[in-house]
Amino acid sequence: MQALSWDAWFTGGVLVLMLALLARGRYAPDVVLMGALLTLLVPGVLDPAGALRGFSNPGVITVAMLYVVATAMRQLVATLGQDAAYFRDHKR
């Protein structure tokens, strides 16, 4: 059995650190994930074309669009909630 190369160990370490940061929830997930991507890009573990190729996947684009819809729905509910509270408090 062949020993793992340094880039395999490095990638494993980045993944463990990324999962730990995501589990703690102290940083936004987009910051953690982009940080992990950049950490793998800088030493050359990933090439830029390979790193960006994943963003062209239709599944990734679908999830990104769902985040946009969810944010719009959250803002709509917050706005409707404020309007309802205003009208409830200002009855004639």
PDB file of N, CA and C in Angstrom:
ATOM      1  N   MET A   1       0.841  -1.178   0.000  1.00  0.00           N
ATOM      2  CA  MET A   1       0.000   0.000   0.000  1.00  0.00           C
ATOM      3  C   MET A   1       0.887   1.242   0.000  1.00  0.00           C
ATOM      4  N   GLN A   2       0.538   2.186  -0.835  1.00  0.00           N
ATOM      5  CA  GLN A   2       1.346   3.394  -0.991  1.00  0.00           C
ATOM      6  C   GLN A   2       0.935   4.442   0.048  1.00  0.00           C
ATOM      7  N   ALA A   3       1.931   5.160   0.572  1.00  0.00           N
ATOM      8  CA  ALA A   3       1.652   6.209   1.559  1.00  0.00           C
ATOM      9  C   ALA A   3       0.993   7.405   0.881  1.00  0.00           C
ATOM     10  N   LEU A   4       0.203   8.128   1.656  1.00  0.00           N
ATOM     11  CA  LEU A   4      -0.464   9.316   1.126  1.00  0.00           C
ATOM     12  C   LEU A   4       0.545  10.436   0.904  1.00  0.00           C
ATOM     13  N   SER A   5       0.316  11.206  -0.138  1.00  0.00           N
ATOM     14  CA  SER A   5       1.205  12.331  -0.435  1.00  0.00           C
ATOM     15  C   SER A   5       0.858  13.515   0.467  1.00  0.00           C
ATOM     16  N   TRP A   6       1.702  14.543   0.423  1.00  0.00           N
ATOM     17  CA  TRP A   6       1.491  15.699   1.289  1.00  0.00           C
ATOM     18  C   TRP A   6       0.195  16.420   0.953  1.00  0.00           C
ATOM     19  N   ASP A   7      -0.174  16.442  -0.336  1.00  0.00           N
ATOM     20  CA  ASP A   7      -1.396  17.164  -0.689  1.00  0.00           C
ATOM     21  C   ASP A   7      -2.647  16.440  -0.199  1.00  0.00           C
ATOM     22  N   ALA A   8      -2.592  15.123  -0.085  1.00  0.00           N
ATOM     23  CA  ALA A   8      -3.720  14.383   0.484  1.00  0.00           C
ATOM     24  C   ALA A   8      -3.865  14.696   1.970  1.00  0.00           C
ATOM     25  N   TRP A   9      -2.756  14.731   2.699  1.00  0.00           N
ATOM     26  CA  TRP A   9      -2.793  15.087   4.119  1.00  0.00           C
ATOM     27  C   TRP A   9      -3.244  16.535   4.303  1.00  0.00           C
ATOM     28  N   PHE A  10      -2.757  17.403   3.455  1.00  0.00           N
ATOM     29  CA  PHE A  10      -3.124  18.820   3.529  1.00  0.00           C
ATOM     30  C   PHE A  10      -4.621  18.995   3.278  1.00  0.00           C
ATOM     31  N   THR A  11      -5.143  18.313   2.266  1.00  0.00           N
ATOM     32  CA  THR A  11      -6.566  18.393   1.958  1.00  0.00           C
ATOM     33  C   THR A  11      -7.401  17.843   3.106  1.00  0.00           C
ATOM     34  N   GLY A  12      -6.970  16.748   3.687  1.00  0.00           N
ATOM     35  CA  GLY A  12      -7.677  16.192   4.843  1.00  0.00           C
ATOM     36  C   GLY A  12      -7.703  17.157   6.014  1.00  0.00           C
ATOM     37  N   GLY A  13      -6.575  17.811   6.269  1.00  0.00           N
ATOM     38  CA  GLY A  13      -6.523  18.800   7.346  1.00  0.00           C
ATOM     39  C   GLY A  13      -7.433  19.986   7.088  1.00  0.00           C
ATOM     40  N   VAL A  14      -7.453  20.449   5.844  1.00  0.00           N
ATOM     41  CA  VAL A  14      -8.331  21.571   5.485  1.00  0.00           C
ATOM     42  C   VAL A  14      -9.790  21.169   5.664  1.00  0.00           C
ATOM     43  N   LEU A  15     -10.139  19.952   5.268  1.00  0.00           N
ATOM     44  CA  LEU A  15     -11.519  19.482   5.419  1.00  0.00           C
ATOM     45  C   LEU A  15     -11.928  19.375   6.881  1.00  0.00           C
ATOM     46  N   VAL A  16     -11.048  18.849   7.720  1.00  0.00           N
ATOM     47  CA  VAL A  16     -11.359  18.737   9.149  1.00  0.00           C
ATOM     48  C   VAL A  16     -11.542  20.121   9.759  1.00  0.00           C
ATOM     49  N   LEU A  17     -10.643  21.042   9.437  1.00  0.00           N
ATOM     50  CA  LEU A  17     -10.754  22.407   9.949  1.00  0.00           C
ATOM     51  C   LEU A  17     -12.022  23.082   9.439  1.00  0.00           C
ATOM     52  N   MET A  18     -12.336  22.884   8.163  1.00  0.00           N
ATOM     53  CA  MET A  18     -13.539  23.479   7.582  1.00  0.00           C
ATOM     54  C   MET A  18     -14.794  22.958   8.281  1.00  0.00           C
ATOM     55  N   LEU A  19     -14.874  21.651   8.499  1.00  0.00           N
ATOM     56  CA  LEU A  19     -16.038  21.075   9.173  1.00  0.00           C
ATOM     57  C   LEU A  19     -16.153  21.562  10.612  1.00  0.00           C
ATOM     58  N   ALA A  20     -15.018  21.709  11.290  1.00  0.00           N
ATOM     59  CA  ALA A  20     -15.045  22.216  12.663  1.00  0.00           C
ATOM     60  C   ALA A  20     -15.547  23.658  12.702  1.00  0.00           C
ATOM     61  N   LEU A  21     -15.088  24.482  11.771  1.00  0.00           N
ATOM     62  CA  LEU A  21     -15.545  25.874  11.728  1.00  0.00           C
ATOM     63  C   LEU A  21     -17.022  25.969  11.369  1.00  0.00           C
ATOM     64  N   LEU A  22     -17.477  25.123  10.466  1.00  0.00           N
ATOM     65  CA  LEU A  22     -18.897  25.117  10.119  1.00  0.00           C
ATOM     66  C   LEU A  22     -19.747  24.657  11.299  1.00  0.00           C
ATOM     67  N   ALA A  23     -19.267  23.670  12.045  1.00  0.00           N
ATOM     68  CA  ALA A  23     -20.018  23.157  13.191  1.00  0.00           C
ATOM     69  C   ALA A  23     -20.119  24.190  14.305  1.00  0.00           C
ATOM     70  N   ARG A  24     -19.070  24.968  14.507  1.00  0.00           N
ATOM     71  CA  ARG A  24     -19.108  25.995  15.557  1.00  0.00           C
ATOM     72  C   ARG A  24     -20.057  27.125  15.212  1.00  0.00           C
ATOM     73  N   GLY A  25     -20.179  27.426  13.934  1.00  0.00           N
ATOM     74  CA  GLY A  25     -21.111  28.459  13.501  1.00  0.00           C
ATOM     75  C   GLY A  25     -20.682  29.876  13.805  1.00  0.00           C
ATOM     76  N   ARG A  26     -19.433  30.076  14.129  1.00  0.00           N
ATOM     77  CA  ARG A  26     -18.954  31.422  14.459  1.00  0.00           C
ATOM     78  C   ARG A  26     -18.777  32.282  13.211  1.00  0.00           C
ATOM     79  N   TYR A  27     -18.442  31.651  12.111  1.00  0.00           N
ATOM     80  CA  TYR A  27     -18.232  32.364  10.854  1.00  0.00           C
ATOM     81  C   TYR A  27     -19.308  31.956   9.855  1.00  0.00           C
ATOM     82  N   ALA A  28     -19.589  32.836   8.933  1.00  0.00           N
ATOM     83  CA  ALA A  28     -20.584  32.543   7.899  1.00  0.00           C
ATOM     84  C   ALA A  28     -20.087  31.387   7.025  1.00  0.00           C
ATOM     85  N   PRO A  29     -20.991  30.499   6.623  1.00  0.00           N
ATOM     86  CA  PRO A  29     -20.568  29.350   5.810  1.00  0.00           C
ATOM     87  C   PRO A  29     -19.871  29.743   4.515  1.00  0.00           C
ATOM     88  N   ASP A  30     -20.305  30.827   3.876  1.00  0.00           N
ATOM     89  CA  ASP A  30     -19.649  31.209   2.623  1.00  0.00           C
ATOM     90  C   ASP A  30     -18.209  31.626   2.851  1.00  0.00           C
ATOM     91  N   VAL A  31     -17.936  32.262   3.990  1.00  0.00           N
ATOM     92  CA  VAL A  31     -16.564  32.671   4.314  1.00  0.00           C
ATOM     93  C   VAL A  31     -15.698  31.434   4.564  1.00  0.00           C
ATOM     94  N   VAL A  32     -16.236  30.474   5.301  1.00  0.00           N
ATOM     95  CA  VAL A  32     -15.480  29.257   5.617  1.00  0.00           C
ATOM     96  C   VAL A  32     -15.191  28.458   4.346  1.00  0.00           C
ATOM     97  N   LEU A  33     -16.197  28.292   3.502  1.00  0.00           N
ATOM     98  CA  LEU A  33     -16.013  27.486   2.295  1.00  0.00           C
ATOM     99  C   LEU A  33     -15.065  28.151   1.299  1.00  0.00           C
ATOM    100  N   MET A  34     -15.189  29.454   1.127  1.00  0.00           N
ATOM    101  CA  MET A  34     -14.263  30.146   0.218  1.00  0.00           C
ATOM    102  C   MET A  34     -12.851  30.157   0.792  1.00  0.00           C
ATOM    103  N   GLY A  35     -12.739  30.263   2.107  1.00  0.00           N
ATOM    104  CA  GLY A  35     -11.426  30.189   2.738  1.00  0.00           C
ATOM    105  C   GLY A  35     -10.768  28.834   2.512  1.00  0.00           C
ATOM    106  N   ALA A  36     -11.556  27.772   2.619  1.00  0.00           N
ATOM    107  CA  ALA A  36     -11.021  26.431   2.364  1.00  0.00           C
ATOM    108  C   ALA A  36     -10.605  26.287   0.905  1.00  0.00           C
ATOM    109  N   LEU A  37     -11.410  26.827   0.007  1.00  0.00           N
ATOM    110  CA  LEU A  37     -11.063  26.766  -1.419  1.00  0.00           C
ATOM    111  C   LEU A  37      -9.761  27.508  -1.698  1.00  0.00           C
ATOM    112  N   LEU A  38      -9.630  28.700  -1.143  1.00  0.00           N
ATOM    113  CA  LEU A  38      -8.398  29.470  -1.344  1.00  0.00           C
ATOM    114  C   LEU A  38      -7.193  28.783  -0.708  1.00  0.00           C
ATOM    115  N   THR A  39      -7.416  28.142   0.444  1.00  0.00           N
ATOM    116  CA  THR A  39      -6.328  27.433   1.108  1.00  0.00           C
ATOM    117  C   THR A  39      -5.823  26.278   0.250  1.00  0.00           C
ATOM    118  N   LEU A  40      -6.698  25.673  -0.524  1.00  0.00           N
ATOM    119  CA  LEU A  40      -6.269  24.602  -1.423  1.00  0.00           C
ATOM    120  C   LEU A  40      -5.723  25.136  -2.744  1.00  0.00           C
ATOM    121  N   LEU A  41      -6.121  26.340  -3.132  1.00  0.00           N
ATOM    122  CA  LEU A  41      -5.624  26.929  -4.383  1.00  0.00           C
ATOM    123  C   LEU A  41      -4.198  27.462  -4.255  1.00  0.00           C
ATOM    124  N   VAL A  42      -3.901  28.126  -3.147  1.00  0.00           N
ATOM    125  CA  VAL A  42      -2.611  28.816  -2.998  1.00  0.00           C
ATOM    126  C   VAL A  42      -1.420  27.869  -3.112  1.00  0.00           C
ATOM    127  N   PRO A  43      -1.388  26.741  -2.399  1.00  0.00           N
ATOM    128  CA  PRO A  43      -0.210  25.871  -2.546  1.00  0.00           C
ATOM    129  C   PRO A  43      -0.234  25.004  -3.803  1.00  0.00           C
ATOM    130  N   GLY A  44      -1.288  25.086  -4.596  1.00  0.00           N
ATOM    131  CA  GLY A  44      -1.343  24.332  -5.837  1.00  0.00           C
ATOM    132  C   GLY A  44      -1.965  22.958  -5.723  1.00  0.00           C
ATOM    133  N   VAL A  45      -2.650  22.688  -4.616  1.00  0.00           N
ATOM    134  CA  VAL A  45      -3.341  21.404  -4.491  1.00  0.00           C
ATOM    135  C   VAL A  45      -4.456  21.322  -5.530  1.00  0.00           C
ATOM    136  N   LEU A  46      -5.169  22.425  -5.726  1.00  0.00           N
ATOM    137  CA  LEU A  46      -6.175  22.544  -6.787  1.00  0.00           C
ATOM    138  C   LEU A  46      -5.690  23.541  -7.819  1.00  0.00           C
ATOM    139  N   ASP A  47      -5.979  23.272  -9.074  1.00  0.00           N
ATOM    140  CA  ASP A  47      -5.699  24.275 -10.098  1.00  0.00           C
ATOM    141  C   ASP A  47      -6.939  25.166 -10.251  1.00  0.00           C
ATOM    142  N   PRO A  48      -6.772  26.406 -10.696  1.00  0.00           N
ATOM    143  CA  PRO A  48      -7.916  27.324 -10.793  1.00  0.00           C
ATOM    144  C   PRO A  48      -9.051  26.796 -11.665  1.00  0.00           C
ATOM    145  N   ALA A  49      -8.717  26.144 -12.756  1.00  0.00           N
ATOM    146  CA  ALA A  49      -9.772  25.615 -13.629  1.00  0.00           C
ATOM    147  C   ALA A  49     -10.578  24.535 -12.911  1.00  0.00           C
ATOM    148  N   GLY A  50      -9.900  23.692 -12.192  1.00  0.00           N
ATOM    149  CA  GLY A  50     -10.594  22.638 -11.448  1.00  0.00           C
ATOM    150  C   GLY A  50     -11.426  23.183 -10.307  1.00  0.00           C
ATOM    151  N   ALA A  51     -10.936  24.226  -9.667  1.00  0.00           N
ATOM    152  CA  ALA A  51     -11.676  24.819  -8.556  1.00  0.00           C
ATOM    153  C   ALA A  51     -12.947  25.501  -9.042  1.00  0.00           C
ATOM    154  N   LEU A  52     -12.865  26.165 -10.182  1.00  0.00           N
ATOM    155  CA  LEU A  52     -14.031  26.880 -10.706  1.00  0.00           C
ATOM    156  C   LEU A  52     -14.986  25.966 -11.459  1.00  0.00           C
ATOM    157  N   ARG A  53     -14.519  24.818 -11.871  1.00  0.00           N
ATOM    158  CA  ARG A  53     -15.363  23.885 -12.614  1.00  0.00           C
ATOM    159  C   ARG A  53     -16.565  23.439 -11.783  1.00  0.00           C
ATOM    160  N   GLY A  54     -16.395  23.327 -10.489  1.00  0.00           N
ATOM    161  CA  GLY A  54     -17.496  22.903  -9.627  1.00  0.00           C
ATOM    162  C   GLY A  54     -18.646  23.886  -9.580  1.00  0.00           C
ATOM    163  N   PHE A  55     -18.365  25.169  -9.809  1.00  0.00           N
ATOM    164  CA  PHE A  55     -19.424  26.172  -9.775  1.00  0.00           C
ATOM    165  C   PHE A  55     -20.318  26.116 -11.009  1.00  0.00           C
ATOM    166  N   SER A  56     -19.901  25.405 -12.047  1.00  0.00           N
ATOM    167  CA  SER A  56     -20.731  25.297 -13.245  1.00  0.00           C
ATOM    168  C   SER A  56     -21.707  24.126 -13.163  1.00  0.00           C
ATOM    169  N   ASN A  57     -21.653  23.369 -12.090  1.00  0.00           N
ATOM    170  CA  ASN A  57     -22.558  22.251 -11.885  1.00  0.00           C
ATOM    171  C   ASN A  57     -23.981  22.771 -11.690  1.00  0.00           C
ATOM    172  N   PRO A  58     -24.971  22.221 -12.386  1.00  0.00           N
ATOM    173  CA  PRO A  58     -26.349  22.695 -12.233  1.00  0.00           C
ATOM    174  C   PRO A  58     -26.877  22.572 -10.805  1.00  0.00           C
ATOM    175  N   GLY A  59     -26.411  21.586 -10.065  1.00  0.00           N
ATOM    176  CA  GLY A  59     -26.853  21.442  -8.674  1.00  0.00           C
ATOM    177  C   GLY A  59     -26.407  22.609  -7.817  1.00  0.00           C
ATOM    178  N   VAL A  60     -25.187  23.059  -8.021  1.00  0.00           N
ATOM    179  CA  VAL A  60     -24.672  24.201  -7.258  1.00  0.00           C
ATOM    180  C   VAL A  60     -25.454  25.462  -7.603  1.00  0.00           C
ATOM    181  N   ILE A  61     -25.746  25.649  -8.869  1.00  0.00           N
ATOM    182  CA  ILE A  61     -26.507  26.824  -9.294  1.00  0.00           C
ATOM    183  C   ILE A  61     -27.917  26.777  -8.712  1.00  0.00           C
ATOM    184  N   THR A  62     -28.525  25.596  -8.664  1.00  0.00           N
ATOM    185  CA  THR A  62     -29.862  25.456  -8.090  1.00  0.00           C
ATOM    186  C   THR A  62     -29.865  25.810  -6.611  1.00  0.00           C
ATOM    187  N   VAL A  63     -28.894  25.319  -5.872  1.00  0.00           N
ATOM    188  CA  VAL A  63     -28.816  25.640  -4.444  1.00  0.00           C
ATOM    189  C   VAL A  63     -28.591  27.134  -4.242  1.00  0.00           C
ATOM    190  N   ALA A  64     -27.753  27.746  -5.056  1.00  0.00           N
ATOM    191  CA  ALA A  64     -27.521  29.189  -4.950  1.00  0.00           C
ATOM    192  C   ALA A  64     -28.811  29.964  -5.200  1.00  0.00           C
ATOM    193  N   MET A  65     -29.589  29.547  -6.172  1.00  0.00           N
ATOM    194  CA  MET A  65     -30.864  30.221  -6.447  1.00  0.00           C
ATOM    195  C   MET A  65     -31.848  30.029  -5.297  1.00  0.00           C
ATOM    196  N   LEU A  66     -31.814  28.871  -4.645  1.00  0.00           N
ATOM    197  CA  LEU A  66     -32.687  28.654  -3.493  1.00  0.00           C
ATOM    198  C   LEU A  66     -32.314  29.575  -2.337  1.00  0.00           C
ATOM    199  N   TYR A  67     -31.027  29.863  -2.172  1.00  0.00           N
ATOM    200  CA  TYR A  67     -30.620  30.828  -1.151  1.00  0.00           C
ATOM    201  C   TYR A  67     -31.194  32.209  -1.455  1.00  0.00           C
ATOM    202  N   VAL A  68     -31.202  32.592  -2.717  1.00  0.00           N
ATOM    203  CA  VAL A  68     -31.766  33.889  -3.104  1.00  0.00           C
ATOM    204  C   VAL A  68     -33.258  33.927  -2.795  1.00  0.00           C
ATOM    205  N   VAL A  69     -33.975  32.865  -3.146  1.00  0.00           N
ATOM    206  CA  VAL A  69     -35.418  32.809  -2.887  1.00  0.00           C
ATOM    207  C   VAL A  69     -35.695  32.803  -1.385  1.00  0.00           C
ATOM    208  N   ALA A  70     -34.923  32.048  -0.616  1.00  0.00           N
ATOM    209  CA  ALA A  70     -35.128  31.994   0.831  1.00  0.00           C
ATOM    210  C   ALA A  70     -34.885  33.352   1.477  1.00  0.00           C
ATOM    211  N   THR A  71     -33.871  34.071   1.031  1.00  0.00           N
ATOM    212  CA  THR A  71     -33.607  35.408   1.573  1.00  0.00           C
ATOM    213  C   THR A  71     -34.740  36.356   1.238  1.00  0.00           C
ATOM    214  N   ALA A  72     -35.246  36.287   0.020  1.00  0.00           N
ATOM    215  CA  ALA A  72     -36.372  37.144  -0.365  1.00  0.00           C
ATOM    216  C   ALA A  72     -37.606  36.817   0.465  1.00  0.00           C
ATOM    217  N   MET A  73     -37.871  35.547   0.697  1.00  0.00           N
ATOM    218  CA  MET A  73     -39.026  35.153   1.511  1.00  0.00           C
ATOM    219  C   MET A  73     -38.869  35.631   2.950  1.00  0.00           C
ATOM    220  N   ARG A  74     -37.668  35.526   3.492  1.00  0.00           N
ATOM    221  CA  ARG A  74     -37.432  35.970   4.866  1.00  0.00           C
ATOM    222  C   ARG A  74     -37.666  37.469   4.990  1.00  0.00           C
ATOM    223  N   GLN A  75     -37.199  38.230   4.022  1.00  0.00           N
ATOM    224  CA  GLN A  75     -37.406  39.678   4.054  1.00  0.00           C
ATOM    225  C   GLN A  75     -38.877  40.023   3.871  1.00  0.00           C
ATOM    226  N   LEU A  76     -39.584  39.283   3.039  1.00  0.00           N
ATOM    227  CA  LEU A  76     -41.007  39.520   2.835  1.00  0.00           C
ATOM    228  C   LEU A  76     -41.787  39.249   4.113  1.00  0.00           C
ATOM    229  N   VAL A  77     -41.491  38.142   4.778  1.00  0.00           N
ATOM    230  CA  VAL A  77     -42.174  37.812   6.024  1.00  0.00           C
ATOM    231  C   VAL A  77     -41.877  38.857   7.090  1.00  0.00           C
ATOM    232  N   ALA A  78     -40.642  39.321   7.159  1.00  0.00           N
ATOM    233  CA  ALA A  78     -40.297  40.357   8.135  1.00  0.00           C
ATOM    234  C   ALA A  78     -41.059  41.640   7.843  1.00  0.00           C
ATOM    235  N   THR A  79     -41.164  42.003   6.582  1.00  0.00           N
ATOM    236  CA  THR A  79     -41.893  43.219   6.208  1.00  0.00           C
ATOM    237  C   THR A  79     -43.376  43.073   6.507  1.00  0.00           C
ATOM    238  N   LEU A  80     -43.956  41.939   6.154  1.00  0.00           N
ATOM    239  CA  LEU A  80     -45.375  41.717   6.430  1.00  0.00           C
ATOM    240  C   LEU A  80     -45.639  41.684   7.926  1.00  0.00           C
ATOM    241  N   GLY A  81     -44.719  41.114   8.676  1.00  0.00           N
ATOM    242  CA  GLY A  81     -44.869  41.089  10.132  1.00  0.00           C
ATOM    243  C   GLY A  81     -44.848  42.484  10.726  1.00  0.00           C
ATOM    244  N   GLN A  82     -43.996  43.352  10.223  1.00  0.00           N
ATOM    245  CA  GLN A  82     -43.946  44.729  10.712  1.00  0.00           C
ATOM    246  C   GLN A  82     -45.223  45.468  10.356  1.00  0.00           C
ATOM    247  N   ASP A  83     -45.730  45.261   9.147  1.00  0.00           N
ATOM    248  CA  ASP A  83     -46.973  45.917   8.743  1.00  0.00           C
ATOM    249  C   ASP A  83     -48.134  45.443   9.601  1.00  0.00           C
ATOM    250  N   ALA A  84     -48.207  44.145   9.861  1.00  0.00           N
ATOM    251  CA  ALA A  84     -49.289  43.614  10.680  1.00  0.00           C
ATOM    252  C   ALA A  84     -49.221  44.180  12.090  1.00  0.00           C
ATOM    253  N   ALA A  85     -48.029  44.288  12.648  1.00  0.00           N
ATOM    254  CA  ALA A  85     -47.886  44.857  13.988  1.00  0.00           C
ATOM    255  C   ALA A  85     -48.277  46.324  13.991  1.00  0.00           C
ATOM    256  N   TYR A  86     -47.943  47.054  12.942  1.00  0.00           N
ATOM    257  CA  TYR A  86     -48.297  48.476  12.855  1.00  0.00           C
ATOM    258  C   TYR A  86     -49.810  48.642  12.838  1.00  0.00           C
ATOM    259  N   PHE A  87     -50.484  47.869  11.994  1.00  0.00           N
ATOM    260  CA  PHE A  87     -51.933  48.008  11.892  1.00  0.00           C
ATOM    261  C   PHE A  87     -52.638  47.501  13.144  1.00  0.00           C
ATOM    262  N   ARG A  88     -52.083  46.503  13.801  1.00  0.00           N
ATOM    263  CA  ARG A  88     -52.671  46.003  15.035  1.00  0.00           C
ATOM    264  C   ARG A  88     -52.574  47.054  16.129  1.00  0.00           C
ATOM    265  N   ASP A  89     -51.453  47.756  16.200  1.00  0.00           N
ATOM    266  CA  ASP A  89     -51.237  48.752  17.253  1.00  0.00           C
ATOM    267  C   ASP A  89     -51.926  50.072  16.966  1.00  0.00           C
ATOM    268  N   HIS A  90     -52.310  50.342  15.730  1.00  0.00           N
ATOM    269  CA  HIS A  90     -52.905  51.625  15.366  1.00  0.00           C
ATOM    270  C   HIS A  90     -54.347  51.466  14.889  1.00  0.00           C
ATOM    271  N   LYS A  91     -55.118  50.687  15.602  1.00  0.00           N
ATOM    272  CA  LYS A  91     -56.531  50.533  15.249  1.00  0.00           C
ATOM    273  C   LYS A  91     -57.270  51.820  15.562  1.00  0.00           C
ATOM    274  N   ARG A  92     -58.312  52.064  14.803  1.00  0.00           N
ATOM    275  CA  ARG A  92     -59.127  53.267  15.066  1.00  0.00           C
ATOM    276  C   ARG A  92     -60.261  52.954  15.969  1.00  0.00           C
TER     277      ARG A  92
END
